């Protein structure tokens, strides 16, 4: 049996800030991802929190049931292939316990249908 996905409430934005910028106070909520590299500070959070900064808005978030063992191979490859084959743009975030996939709001129905056809449960 393939793992299940759960739709997380809300609409999300993917934000790009300068690498040396402090984590802003608006980067909060029930689902937030903050990644800093030498090139950027990337934040995913509820789009309603995001001011007028460089951001791509209009994403939904699906959580893959976890925790997933860190040595398990092919999990993200399997579901991203399903979505790619359906022509759906995506943004993947991995944590210690699980994976999250963001798809555009307008593509949510097509994404969940493609995942279901491939044998995934989507709640």
N, C-alpha and C. Protein backbone atom coordinates (compact mmCIF):
# COMPACT_ATOMS: atom_id res chain seq x y z
N UNK A 1 0.84 -1.19 0.00
CA UNK A 1 0.00 0.00 0.00
C UNK A 1 0.88 1.26 0.00
N UNK A 2 0.56 2.18 -0.85
CA UNK A 2 1.30 3.44 -0.93
C UNK A 2 0.88 4.35 0.22
N UNK A 3 1.79 5.23 0.64
CA UNK A 3 1.45 6.15 1.73
C UNK A 3 0.34 7.12 1.33
N UNK A 4 -0.30 7.71 2.32
CA UNK A 4 -1.40 8.63 2.10
C UNK A 4 -0.93 10.08 2.18
N UNK A 5 -1.64 10.94 1.47
CA UNK A 5 -1.41 12.37 1.55
C UNK A 5 -2.59 13.02 2.27
N UNK A 6 -2.31 14.08 3.01
CA UNK A 6 -3.34 14.88 3.65
C UNK A 6 -3.17 16.33 3.20
N UNK A 7 -4.26 16.93 2.75
CA UNK A 7 -4.23 18.33 2.36
C UNK A 7 -4.17 19.19 3.63
N UNK A 8 -3.16 20.05 3.71
CA UNK A 8 -3.03 20.97 4.83
C UNK A 8 -3.83 22.23 4.49
N UNK A 9 -4.63 22.69 5.45
CA UNK A 9 -5.45 23.89 5.22
C UNK A 9 -4.59 25.09 4.86
N UNK A 10 -5.12 25.93 4.00
CA UNK A 10 -4.48 27.19 3.69
C UNK A 10 -3.95 27.27 2.28
N UNK A 11 -3.53 28.46 1.93
CA UNK A 11 -2.90 28.74 0.65
C UNK A 11 -1.54 29.34 0.98
N UNK A 12 -0.54 28.91 0.26
CA UNK A 12 0.84 29.19 0.63
C UNK A 12 1.57 30.00 -0.42
N UNK A 13 2.64 30.67 0.04
CA UNK A 13 3.53 31.41 -0.84
C UNK A 13 4.94 30.87 -0.65
N UNK A 14 5.71 30.91 -1.72
CA UNK A 14 7.13 30.55 -1.68
C UNK A 14 7.88 31.88 -1.85
N UNK A 15 8.64 32.23 -0.83
CA UNK A 15 9.26 33.55 -0.75
C UNK A 15 10.78 33.43 -0.89
N UNK A 16 11.38 34.40 -1.60
CA UNK A 16 12.83 34.47 -1.72
C UNK A 16 13.29 35.81 -1.17
N UNK A 17 14.17 35.74 -0.16
CA UNK A 17 14.76 36.93 0.43
C UNK A 17 16.28 36.84 0.32
N UNK A 18 16.99 37.95 0.51
CA UNK A 18 18.45 37.90 0.49
C UNK A 18 18.98 36.94 1.56
N UNK A 19 20.09 36.32 1.28
CA UNK A 19 20.66 35.29 2.17
C UNK A 19 20.96 35.82 3.57
N UNK A 20 21.32 37.08 3.68
CA UNK A 20 21.70 37.61 4.99
C UNK A 20 20.56 38.28 5.74
N UNK A 21 19.35 38.21 5.20
CA UNK A 21 18.20 38.83 5.85
C UNK A 21 17.78 38.02 7.09
N UNK A 22 17.33 38.72 8.12
CA UNK A 22 16.83 38.06 9.33
C UNK A 22 15.50 37.37 9.00
N UNK A 23 15.20 36.33 9.73
CA UNK A 23 13.91 35.65 9.54
C UNK A 23 12.82 36.63 9.98
N UNK A 24 11.91 36.96 9.07
CA UNK A 24 10.91 37.98 9.38
C UNK A 24 9.83 37.48 10.33
N UNK A 25 9.21 38.38 11.08
CA UNK A 25 8.18 37.99 12.04
C UNK A 25 6.92 37.42 11.39
N UNK A 26 6.70 37.70 10.11
CA UNK A 26 5.51 37.18 9.45
C UNK A 26 5.68 35.72 9.01
N UNK A 27 6.87 35.15 9.16
CA UNK A 27 7.12 33.76 8.78
C UNK A 27 6.70 32.84 9.92
N UNK A 28 5.39 32.66 10.04
CA UNK A 28 4.85 31.81 11.10
C UNK A 28 3.56 31.15 10.62
N UNK A 29 3.05 30.23 11.38
CA UNK A 29 1.80 29.54 11.05
C UNK A 29 1.91 28.07 11.36
N UNK A 30 0.88 27.32 10.99
CA UNK A 30 0.87 25.88 11.28
C UNK A 30 1.81 25.11 10.37
N UNK A 31 2.08 25.64 9.17
CA UNK A 31 3.08 25.04 8.29
C UNK A 31 3.98 26.15 7.78
N UNK A 32 5.26 26.06 8.15
CA UNK A 32 6.27 27.02 7.72
C UNK A 32 7.54 26.24 7.43
N UNK A 33 8.21 26.57 6.34
CA UNK A 33 9.52 26.00 6.05
C UNK A 33 10.47 27.16 5.79
N UNK A 34 11.61 27.15 6.49
CA UNK A 34 12.61 28.20 6.34
C UNK A 34 13.94 27.53 6.02
N UNK A 35 14.52 27.92 4.90
CA UNK A 35 15.81 27.36 4.48
C UNK A 35 16.74 28.51 4.10
N UNK A 36 17.92 28.51 4.70
CA UNK A 36 18.91 29.52 4.36
C UNK A 36 20.08 28.83 3.66
N UNK A 37 20.52 29.41 2.55
CA UNK A 37 21.72 28.96 1.86
C UNK A 37 22.64 30.17 1.72
N UNK A 38 23.76 29.98 1.09
CA UNK A 38 24.64 31.10 0.83
C UNK A 38 24.09 32.07 -0.19
N UNK A 39 23.00 31.68 -0.88
CA UNK A 39 22.45 32.49 -1.95
C UNK A 39 21.09 33.11 -1.64
N UNK A 40 20.38 32.54 -0.68
CA UNK A 40 19.02 33.03 -0.43
C UNK A 40 18.50 32.56 0.92
N UNK A 41 17.44 33.24 1.36
CA UNK A 41 16.61 32.79 2.47
C UNK A 41 15.27 32.46 1.84
N UNK A 42 14.88 31.20 1.87
CA UNK A 42 13.65 30.75 1.24
C UNK A 42 12.64 30.40 2.34
N UNK A 43 11.44 30.95 2.21
CA UNK A 43 10.40 30.74 3.21
C UNK A 43 9.12 30.28 2.52
N UNK A 44 8.50 29.26 3.06
CA UNK A 44 7.18 28.85 2.63
C UNK A 44 6.26 29.03 3.83
N UNK A 45 5.21 29.81 3.64
CA UNK A 45 4.25 30.03 4.73
C UNK A 45 2.92 30.46 4.14
N UNK A 46 1.93 30.65 5.01
CA UNK A 46 0.61 31.07 4.58
C UNK A 46 0.74 32.37 3.79
N UNK A 47 0.16 32.40 2.59
CA UNK A 47 0.33 33.56 1.73
C UNK A 47 -0.27 34.82 2.32
N UNK A 48 -1.24 34.69 3.21
CA UNK A 48 -1.84 35.86 3.85
C UNK A 48 -0.88 36.59 4.78
N UNK A 49 0.18 35.93 5.20
CA UNK A 49 1.18 36.54 6.08
C UNK A 49 2.21 37.36 5.31
N UNK A 50 2.35 37.12 4.02
CA UNK A 50 3.48 37.62 3.24
C UNK A 50 3.22 39.04 2.74
N UNK A 51 4.13 39.98 3.08
CA UNK A 51 3.98 41.35 2.57
C UNK A 51 4.45 41.43 1.11
N UNK A 52 4.68 42.65 0.64
CA UNK A 52 5.09 42.88 -0.74
C UNK A 52 6.59 42.60 -0.89
N UNK A 53 6.92 41.31 -1.06
CA UNK A 53 8.29 40.86 -1.28
C UNK A 53 8.27 39.90 -2.46
N UNK A 54 9.45 39.46 -2.90
CA UNK A 54 9.51 38.49 -4.00
C UNK A 54 8.89 37.18 -3.51
N UNK A 55 7.76 36.83 -4.09
CA UNK A 55 7.03 35.63 -3.65
C UNK A 55 6.20 35.09 -4.79
N UNK A 56 6.06 33.79 -4.80
CA UNK A 56 5.18 33.10 -5.74
C UNK A 56 4.01 32.58 -4.91
N UNK A 57 2.86 33.15 -5.11
CA UNK A 57 1.69 32.82 -4.30
C UNK A 57 0.78 31.83 -5.02
N UNK A 58 -0.17 31.28 -4.26
CA UNK A 58 -1.18 30.42 -4.87
C UNK A 58 -0.84 28.95 -4.89
N UNK A 59 -0.31 28.44 -3.78
CA UNK A 59 0.06 27.03 -3.67
C UNK A 59 -0.76 26.35 -2.58
N UNK A 60 -1.05 25.08 -2.77
CA UNK A 60 -1.66 24.21 -1.76
C UNK A 60 -0.60 23.21 -1.31
N UNK A 61 -0.75 22.70 -0.10
CA UNK A 61 0.27 21.80 0.45
C UNK A 61 -0.33 20.45 0.82
N UNK A 62 0.30 19.39 0.34
CA UNK A 62 -0.07 18.01 0.67
C UNK A 62 1.04 17.39 1.51
N UNK A 63 0.66 16.84 2.64
CA UNK A 63 1.61 16.18 3.55
C UNK A 63 1.56 14.67 3.32
N UNK A 64 2.70 14.07 3.10
CA UNK A 64 2.80 12.63 2.97
C UNK A 64 2.83 12.02 4.36
N UNK A 65 2.04 11.00 4.60
CA UNK A 65 2.00 10.36 5.92
C UNK A 65 3.39 9.88 6.30
N UNK A 66 3.80 10.19 7.49
CA UNK A 66 5.11 9.80 8.00
C UNK A 66 4.97 9.35 9.44
N UNK A 67 6.05 9.10 10.11
CA UNK A 67 7.41 9.37 9.65
C UNK A 67 7.90 8.32 8.64
N UNK A 68 8.80 8.79 7.80
CA UNK A 68 9.42 7.94 6.80
C UNK A 68 10.87 7.69 7.20
N UNK A 69 11.34 6.46 7.12
CA UNK A 69 12.74 6.20 7.44
C UNK A 69 13.66 6.98 6.51
N UNK A 70 14.70 7.57 7.06
CA UNK A 70 15.60 8.38 6.24
C UNK A 70 16.34 7.57 5.19
N UNK A 71 16.45 6.26 5.38
CA UNK A 71 17.14 5.44 4.39
C UNK A 71 16.20 4.79 3.37
N UNK A 72 14.91 5.13 3.44
CA UNK A 72 13.96 4.61 2.47
C UNK A 72 14.17 5.34 1.14
N UNK A 73 14.31 4.60 0.08
CA UNK A 73 14.62 5.21 -1.22
C UNK A 73 13.39 5.29 -2.12
N UNK A 74 13.38 6.29 -2.97
CA UNK A 74 12.39 6.38 -4.03
C UNK A 74 11.04 6.95 -3.67
N UNK A 75 10.83 7.36 -2.43
CA UNK A 75 9.51 7.85 -2.02
C UNK A 75 9.14 9.11 -2.80
N UNK A 76 9.99 10.13 -2.72
CA UNK A 76 9.72 11.38 -3.43
C UNK A 76 9.75 11.18 -4.94
N UNK A 77 10.66 10.35 -5.41
CA UNK A 77 10.74 10.09 -6.85
C UNK A 77 9.43 9.51 -7.38
N UNK A 78 8.81 8.64 -6.60
CA UNK A 78 7.57 7.99 -7.05
C UNK A 78 6.43 9.00 -7.20
N UNK A 79 6.19 9.82 -6.16
CA UNK A 79 5.05 10.73 -6.27
C UNK A 79 5.35 11.93 -7.18
N UNK A 80 6.61 12.36 -7.25
CA UNK A 80 6.90 13.46 -8.16
C UNK A 80 6.79 13.01 -9.62
N UNK A 81 7.10 11.75 -9.90
CA UNK A 81 6.94 11.21 -11.27
C UNK A 81 5.46 11.22 -11.65
N UNK A 82 4.58 10.82 -10.73
CA UNK A 82 3.14 10.82 -11.01
C UNK A 82 2.69 12.24 -11.38
N UNK A 83 3.11 13.22 -10.59
CA UNK A 83 2.69 14.59 -10.84
C UNK A 83 3.33 15.16 -12.10
N UNK A 84 4.59 14.84 -12.34
CA UNK A 84 5.26 15.30 -13.56
C UNK A 84 4.57 14.73 -14.80
N UNK A 85 4.23 13.44 -14.74
CA UNK A 85 3.55 12.81 -15.88
C UNK A 85 2.19 13.45 -16.15
N UNK A 86 1.58 14.02 -15.10
CA UNK A 86 0.29 14.70 -15.25
C UNK A 86 0.47 16.17 -15.63
N UNK A 87 1.72 16.61 -15.80
CA UNK A 87 2.00 17.98 -16.21
C UNK A 87 1.78 19.00 -15.10
N UNK A 88 2.01 18.60 -13.85
CA UNK A 88 1.75 19.46 -12.71
C UNK A 88 3.06 19.97 -12.12
N UNK A 89 3.19 21.29 -12.04
CA UNK A 89 4.35 21.91 -11.40
C UNK A 89 4.26 21.65 -9.90
N UNK A 90 5.42 21.46 -9.28
CA UNK A 90 5.40 21.16 -7.84
C UNK A 90 6.63 21.74 -7.17
N UNK A 91 6.55 21.80 -5.84
CA UNK A 91 7.64 22.28 -5.00
C UNK A 91 7.68 21.33 -3.82
N UNK A 92 8.77 20.62 -3.62
CA UNK A 92 8.87 19.58 -2.58
C UNK A 92 9.70 20.08 -1.41
N UNK A 93 9.23 19.80 -0.22
CA UNK A 93 9.96 20.10 1.02
C UNK A 93 10.06 18.80 1.80
N UNK A 94 11.26 18.48 2.24
CA UNK A 94 11.45 17.29 3.07
C UNK A 94 11.90 17.71 4.45
N UNK A 95 11.39 16.99 5.46
CA UNK A 95 11.80 17.21 6.84
C UNK A 95 12.35 15.88 7.35
N UNK A 96 12.72 15.87 8.61
CA UNK A 96 13.25 14.64 9.20
C UNK A 96 12.22 13.51 9.09
N UNK A 97 10.95 13.82 9.33
CA UNK A 97 9.92 12.78 9.39
C UNK A 97 9.19 12.49 8.09
N UNK A 98 9.04 13.47 7.22
CA UNK A 98 8.18 13.24 6.06
C UNK A 98 8.47 14.20 4.92
N UNK A 99 7.67 14.11 3.87
CA UNK A 99 7.77 14.96 2.70
C UNK A 99 6.47 15.74 2.54
N UNK A 100 6.60 16.93 1.98
CA UNK A 100 5.46 17.78 1.66
C UNK A 100 5.60 18.16 0.20
N UNK A 101 4.48 18.23 -0.49
CA UNK A 101 4.51 18.65 -1.89
C UNK A 101 3.50 19.77 -2.05
N UNK A 102 3.97 20.87 -2.61
CA UNK A 102 3.10 21.99 -2.91
C UNK A 102 2.77 21.97 -4.39
N UNK A 103 1.51 22.16 -4.70
CA UNK A 103 1.04 22.26 -6.08
C UNK A 103 0.21 23.54 -6.18
N UNK A 104 0.15 24.08 -7.35
CA UNK A 104 -0.62 25.31 -7.53
C UNK A 104 -2.09 25.06 -7.20
N UNK A 105 -2.71 26.08 -6.61
CA UNK A 105 -4.14 25.98 -6.26
C UNK A 105 -4.96 25.49 -7.44
N UNK A 106 -4.70 26.05 -8.61
CA UNK A 106 -5.48 25.72 -9.81
C UNK A 106 -5.27 24.28 -10.27
N UNK A 107 -4.20 23.63 -9.82
CA UNK A 107 -3.89 22.26 -10.24
C UNK A 107 -4.22 21.23 -9.17
N UNK A 108 -4.77 21.66 -8.05
CA UNK A 108 -4.99 20.73 -6.94
C UNK A 108 -5.88 19.55 -7.33
N UNK A 109 -6.99 19.81 -7.99
CA UNK A 109 -7.89 18.70 -8.36
C UNK A 109 -7.20 17.72 -9.30
N UNK A 110 -6.47 18.21 -10.29
CA UNK A 110 -5.74 17.32 -11.21
C UNK A 110 -4.66 16.55 -10.47
N UNK A 111 -3.98 17.21 -9.53
CA UNK A 111 -2.92 16.54 -8.77
C UNK A 111 -3.48 15.43 -7.90
N UNK A 112 -4.54 15.71 -7.18
CA UNK A 112 -5.11 14.67 -6.31
C UNK A 112 -5.69 13.53 -7.14
N UNK A 113 -6.29 13.84 -8.29
CA UNK A 113 -6.81 12.78 -9.16
C UNK A 113 -5.67 11.90 -9.67
N UNK A 114 -4.57 12.50 -10.10
CA UNK A 114 -3.43 11.73 -10.60
C UNK A 114 -2.85 10.85 -9.50
N UNK A 115 -2.72 11.39 -8.30
CA UNK A 115 -2.20 10.59 -7.18
C UNK A 115 -3.12 9.42 -6.87
N UNK A 116 -4.42 9.65 -6.87
CA UNK A 116 -5.38 8.57 -6.58
C UNK A 116 -5.30 7.47 -7.64
N UNK A 117 -5.23 7.86 -8.91
CA UNK A 117 -5.13 6.88 -10.00
C UNK A 117 -3.86 6.03 -9.81
N UNK A 118 -2.80 6.65 -9.28
CA UNK A 118 -1.54 5.94 -9.06
C UNK A 118 -1.54 5.10 -7.78
N UNK A 119 -2.66 5.11 -7.05
CA UNK A 119 -2.78 4.25 -5.87
C UNK A 119 -2.57 4.93 -4.53
N UNK A 120 -2.39 6.24 -4.53
CA UNK A 120 -2.24 6.98 -3.27
C UNK A 120 -3.61 7.36 -2.73
N UNK A 121 -3.72 7.44 -1.42
CA UNK A 121 -4.90 8.00 -0.78
C UNK A 121 -4.66 9.48 -0.56
N UNK A 122 -5.66 10.30 -0.83
CA UNK A 122 -5.54 11.74 -0.57
C UNK A 122 -6.73 12.15 0.26
N UNK A 123 -6.44 12.70 1.42
CA UNK A 123 -7.51 13.15 2.33
C UNK A 123 -7.60 14.64 2.34
